[in-house]
Amino acid sequence: MDIVACPDPTCPAPASVQDRWTWASTSGPVEHVKTGCEAGHWFTPLAASLVPYRLPNPATVRQELQEQLAR
């Protein structure tokens, strides 16, 4: 099973590819996937639009937490 970034740009959770299929088009076959993330989002994007999941940088996470606590 492939692990990718959630297609929702506001969601930091990893998503898994649950299914793959190809649809015909006038420009040739187009591969689609069904993804589900840990936050409960489900999408059926083009396979070519998927982005690999990367763990957050600990320094960035720490800075974001400090900014949130300062508010």
Protein backbone atom coordinates (compact mmCIF):
# COMPACT_ATOMS: atom_id res chain seq x y z
CA MET A 1 0.00 0.00 0.00
CA ASP A 2 1.37 3.43 -0.96
CA ILE A 3 1.54 6.21 1.63
CA VAL A 4 1.11 9.73 0.24
CA ALA A 5 0.31 13.20 1.54
CA CYS A 6 -3.41 13.85 2.02
CA PRO A 7 -4.75 15.55 -1.14
CA ASP A 8 -6.42 18.18 1.10
CA PRO A 9 -3.72 20.90 1.24
CA THR A 10 -4.79 21.93 4.76
CA CYS A 11 -4.44 18.40 6.19
CA PRO A 12 -1.03 17.30 7.51
CA ALA A 13 -2.03 13.62 7.89
CA PRO A 14 -0.63 10.81 5.75
CA ALA A 15 -3.02 9.06 3.37
CA SER A 16 -2.97 5.56 1.92
CA VAL A 17 -3.89 4.60 -1.63
CA GLN A 18 -6.84 2.21 -1.29
CA ASP A 19 -7.56 1.51 -4.97
CA ARG A 20 -6.31 2.31 -8.48
CA TRP A 21 -8.07 2.31 -11.83
CA THR A 22 -7.67 3.74 -15.31
CA TRP A 23 -10.30 5.63 -17.30
CA ALA A 24 -10.11 6.13 -21.03
CA SER A 25 -9.92 9.67 -22.38
CA THR A 26 -9.44 11.31 -25.77
CA SER A 27 -5.81 11.96 -24.78
CA GLY A 28 -5.19 8.36 -23.68
CA PRO A 29 -5.70 6.45 -20.42
CA VAL A 30 -5.77 8.41 -17.15
CA GLU A 31 -4.93 6.67 -13.87
CA HIS A 32 -7.00 7.60 -10.80
CA VAL A 33 -6.66 6.48 -7.19
CA LYS A 34 -8.83 6.39 -4.08
CA THR A 35 -7.06 7.77 -1.02
CA GLY A 36 -8.04 7.84 2.64
CA CYS A 37 -6.14 9.80 5.29
CA GLU A 38 -5.90 9.34 9.06
CA ALA A 39 -8.11 12.42 9.57
CA GLY A 40 -10.96 10.79 7.62
CA HIS A 41 -10.67 12.57 4.27
CA TRP A 42 -11.44 10.51 1.14
CA PHE A 43 -10.48 11.65 -2.38
CA THR A 44 -10.25 10.21 -5.89
CA PRO A 45 -7.48 12.31 -7.49
CA LEU A 46 -5.40 11.68 -10.57
CA ALA A 47 -2.49 9.39 -9.69
CA ALA A 48 -0.11 11.92 -11.25
CA SER A 49 -1.19 14.56 -8.71
CA LEU A 50 -0.12 12.57 -5.63
CA VAL A 51 2.69 13.91 -3.46
CA PRO A 52 4.86 11.65 -1.27
CA TYR A 53 4.20 12.00 2.46
CA ARG A 54 7.05 13.57 4.39
CA LEU A 55 7.29 13.65 8.17
CA PRO A 56 7.11 17.18 9.57
CA ASN A 57 10.41 18.83 10.45
CA PRO A 58 10.60 18.75 14.31
CA ALA A 59 12.03 22.29 14.43
CA THR A 60 9.13 23.63 12.37
CA VAL A 61 6.55 21.81 14.50
CA ARG A 62 8.14 23.16 17.68
CA GLN A 63 8.09 26.73 16.29
CA GLU A 64 4.43 26.42 15.26
CA LEU A 65 3.49 25.15 18.73
CA GLN A 66 5.32 28.04 20.39
CA GLU A 67 3.50 30.53 18.13
CA GLN A 68 0.13 28.95 18.97
CA LEU A 69 0.85 29.06 22.71
CA ALA A 70 1.89 32.73 22.49
CA ARG A 71 -1.54 33.74 21.11
